[in-house]
C-alpha atoms as a PDB file:
ATOM      1  CA  MET A   1     -72.427 -51.237  89.215  1.00  0.00           C
ATOM      2  CA  LYS A   2     -75.481 -52.932  91.325  1.00  0.00           C
ATOM      3  CA  LEU A   3     -76.709 -56.815  90.800  1.00  0.00           C
ATOM      4  CA  LEU A   4     -80.366 -56.594  90.073  1.00  0.00           C
ATOM      5  CA  TRP A   5     -82.982 -58.438  87.996  1.00  0.00           C
ATOM      6  CA  CYS A   6     -82.931 -58.318  84.262  1.00  0.00           C
ATOM      7  CA  TRP A   7     -86.346 -58.971  82.488  1.00  0.00           C
ATOM      8  CA  ARG A   8     -84.790 -59.327  79.337  1.00  0.00           C
ATOM      9  CA  CYS A   9     -81.822 -61.788  80.260  1.00  0.00           C
ATOM     10  CA  LYS A  10     -84.255 -63.678  82.864  1.00  0.00           C
ATOM     11  CA  MET A  11     -81.855 -63.399  85.564  1.00  0.00           C
ATOM     12  CA  ASP A  12     -79.625 -60.835  87.947  1.00  0.00           C
ATOM     13  CA  VAL A  13     -77.251 -58.932  86.237  1.00  0.00           C
ATOM     14  CA  PRO A  14     -74.564 -56.437  86.860  1.00  0.00           C
ATOM     15  CA  MET A  15     -75.922 -53.669  86.243  1.00  0.00           C
ATOM     16  CA  LEU A  16     -74.144 -49.870  85.349  1.00  0.00           C
ATOM     17  CA  ASP A  17     -74.792 -46.304  86.588  1.00  0.00           C
ATOM     18  CA  ASP A  18     -75.701 -43.667  84.974  1.00  0.00           C
ATOM     19  CA  ASP A  19     -71.314 -42.547  84.491  1.00  0.00           C
ATOM     20  CA  GLU A  20     -70.452 -46.437  83.745  1.00  0.00           C
ATOM     21  CA  PHE A  21     -73.410 -46.658  81.265  1.00  0.00           C
ATOM     22  CA  ARG A  22     -71.757 -43.537  79.013  1.00  0.00           C
ATOM     23  CA  LYS A  23     -68.969 -45.318  78.998  1.00  0.00           C
ATOM     24  CA  ALA A  24     -70.044 -48.277  77.411  1.00  0.00           C
ATOM     25  CA  LYS A  25     -72.112 -46.523  75.212  1.00  0.00           C
ATOM     26  CA  ASP A  26     -69.917 -44.299  73.745  1.00  0.00           C
ATOM     27  CA  LEU A  27     -67.719 -47.622  73.266  1.00  0.00           C
ATOM     28  CA  TYR A  28     -70.576 -49.319  71.491  1.00  0.00           C
ATOM     29  CA  SER A  29     -70.814 -46.860  69.233  1.00  0.00           C
ATOM     30  CA  ALA A  30     -67.072 -46.521  68.660  1.00  0.00           C
ATOM     31  CA  ASP A  31     -67.454 -50.304  67.952  1.00  0.00           C
ATOM     32  CA  PHE A  32     -69.270 -49.612  64.589  1.00  0.00           C
ATOM     33  CA  LYS A  33     -66.259 -48.104  62.873  1.00  0.00           C
ATOM     34  CA  LYS A  34     -64.310 -51.126  63.505  1.00  0.00           C
ATOM     35  CA  ILE A  35     -64.422 -54.522  60.903  1.00  0.00           C
ATOM     36  CA  LYS A  36     -66.539 -57.286  62.231  1.00  0.00           C
ATOM     37  CA  GLU A  37     -63.793 -59.188  63.856  1.00  0.00           C
ATOM     38  CA  ASP A  38     -62.941 -56.781  66.579  1.00  0.00           C
ATOM     39  CA  ARG A  39     -66.184 -55.562  66.476  1.00  0.00           C
ATOM     40  CA  PHE A  40     -67.382 -54.849  70.771  1.00  0.00           C
ATOM     41  CA  LYS A  41     -64.384 -56.426  72.385  1.00  0.00           C
ATOM     42  CA  PRO A  42     -63.147 -52.685  73.902  1.00  0.00           C
ATOM     43  CA  LEU A  43     -66.970 -52.974  74.934  1.00  0.00           C
ATOM     44  CA  LEU A  44     -67.370 -56.548  76.335  1.00  0.00           C
ATOM     45  CA  ARG A  45     -63.478 -56.498  77.556  1.00  0.00           C
ATOM     46  CA  TYR A  46     -64.676 -53.217  80.007  1.00  0.00           C
ATOM     47  CA  TYR A  47     -68.095 -54.482  80.877  1.00  0.00           C
ATOM     48  CA  TYR A  48     -66.034 -57.691  82.364  1.00  0.00           C
ATOM     49  CA  GLU A  49     -63.667 -55.369  83.800  1.00  0.00           C
ATOM     50  CA  LEU A  50     -66.056 -53.596  85.710  1.00  0.00           C
ATOM     51  CA  THR A  51     -68.508 -56.627  86.499  1.00  0.00           C
ATOM     52  CA  GLY A  52     -66.166 -59.601  86.325  1.00  0.00           C
ATOM     53  CA  PHE A  53     -69.425 -61.142  84.375  1.00  0.00           C
ATOM     54  CA  ALA A  54     -68.776 -61.951  80.849  1.00  0.00           C
ATOM     55  CA  GLU A  55     -71.360 -61.097  78.489  1.00  0.00           C
ATOM     56  CA  THR A  56     -71.174 -62.271  74.963  1.00  0.00           C
ATOM     57  CA  ASN A  57     -74.308 -60.002  74.069  1.00  0.00           C
ATOM     58  CA  PRO A  58     -73.448 -56.438  73.358  1.00  0.00           C
ATOM     59  CA  VAL A  59     -76.360 -54.861  72.937  1.00  0.00           C
ATOM     60  CA  ALA A  60     -77.675 -56.808  76.342  1.00  0.00           C
ATOM     61  CA  ILE A  61     -75.091 -54.753  77.693  1.00  0.00           C
ATOM     62  CA  LEU A  62     -77.205 -51.042  76.586  1.00  0.00           C
ATOM     63  CA  HIS A  63     -80.407 -52.330  79.013  1.00  0.00           C
ATOM     64  CA  HIS A  64     -78.065 -52.891  81.687  1.00  0.00           C
ATOM     65  CA  LYS A  65     -78.209 -49.505  82.889  1.00  0.00           C
ATOM     66  CA  ILE A  66     -79.602 -49.357  86.898  1.00  0.00           C
ATOM     67  CA  THR A  67     -81.815 -46.117  85.918  1.00  0.00           C
ATOM     68  CA  LEU A  68     -83.869 -48.012  83.206  1.00  0.00           C
ATOM     69  CA  TYR A  69     -85.575 -49.877  86.072  1.00  0.00           C
ATOM     70  CA  GLY A  70     -87.909 -48.598  88.887  1.00  0.00           C
ATOM     71  CA  PRO A  71     -87.433 -49.278  92.921  1.00  0.00           C
ATOM     72  CA  PRO A  72     -87.313 -53.087  94.170  1.00  0.00           C
ATOM     73  CA  CYS A  73     -90.747 -54.378  94.735  1.00  0.00           C
ATOM     74  CA  LYS A  74     -91.880 -54.562  98.331  1.00  0.00           C
ATOM     75  CA  LYS A  75     -93.150 -58.259  97.945  1.00  0.00           C
ATOM     76  CA  CYS A  76     -90.836 -59.724  96.267  1.00  0.00           C
ATOM     77  CA  GLY A  77     -87.772 -57.764  95.784  1.00  0.00           C
ATOM     78  CA  LYS A  78     -87.376 -57.047  92.371  1.00  0.00           C
ATOM     79  CA  PRO A  79     -86.965 -53.947  90.481  1.00  0.00           C
ATOM     80  CA  TYR A  80     -90.474 -52.532  88.825  1.00  0.00           C
ATOM     81  CA  ARG A  81     -89.942 -52.667  84.834  1.00  0.00           C
ATOM     82  CA  THR A  82     -89.731 -48.889  84.485  1.00  0.00           C
ATOM     83  CA  PRO A  83     -89.437 -46.204  87.283  1.00  0.00           C
ATOM     84  CA  VAL A  84     -92.881 -45.361  86.456  1.00  0.00           C
ATOM     85  CA  ALA A  85     -94.552 -48.830  86.633  1.00  0.00           C
ATOM     86  CA  SER A  86     -97.528 -49.377  88.292  1.00  0.00           C
ATOM     87  CA  PHE A  87     -97.145 -52.774  89.450  1.00  0.00           C
ATOM     88  CA  CYS A  88     -94.785 -55.665  89.858  1.00  0.00           C
ATOM     89  CA  ALA A  89     -94.535 -57.913  86.394  1.00  0.00           C
ATOM     90  CA  ALA A  90     -93.319 -60.759  88.865  1.00  0.00           C
ATOM     91  CA  CYS A  91     -95.735 -61.191  91.727  1.00  0.00           C
ATOM     92  CA  GLY A  92     -98.299 -58.301  90.739  1.00  0.00           C
ATOM     93  CA  ASN A  93     -98.262 -56.473  93.564  1.00  0.00           C
ATOM     94  CA  ILE A  94     -99.313 -53.284  93.156  1.00  0.00           C
ATOM     95  CA  ARG A  95     -96.645 -50.561  93.823  1.00  0.00           C
ATOM     96  CA  PRO A  96     -98.050 -47.599  96.714  1.00  0.00           C
ATOM     97  CA  ASP A  97     -98.439 -44.154  94.632  1.00  0.00           C
ATOM     98  CA  GLU A  98     -96.095 -42.209  96.215  1.00  0.00           C
ATOM     99  CA  ASN A  99     -97.313 -39.030  95.716  1.00  0.00           C
ATOM    100  CA  SER A 100    -100.735 -39.595  98.084  1.00  0.00           C
END
């Protein structure tokens, strides 16, 4: 788990690593088989226990995965929107070509 800026939520949120996310995705999938009153409670509880963040939207957890985002911008520190983004959407900084 790592605290990162989420472009969709417009705030810093706990992002899950691949292993944490795999379990969250499994809980999300299993919850579709439950009645509506109990749906997604295990996922929301898992995320809270892992991060201490009381997320109320189970779908938001699905985009809180560290590897969906790029490295931090060297100018503003926010992560690039994707691992292959060529510029920072927050400040416009051009990302250096790592292959050069």
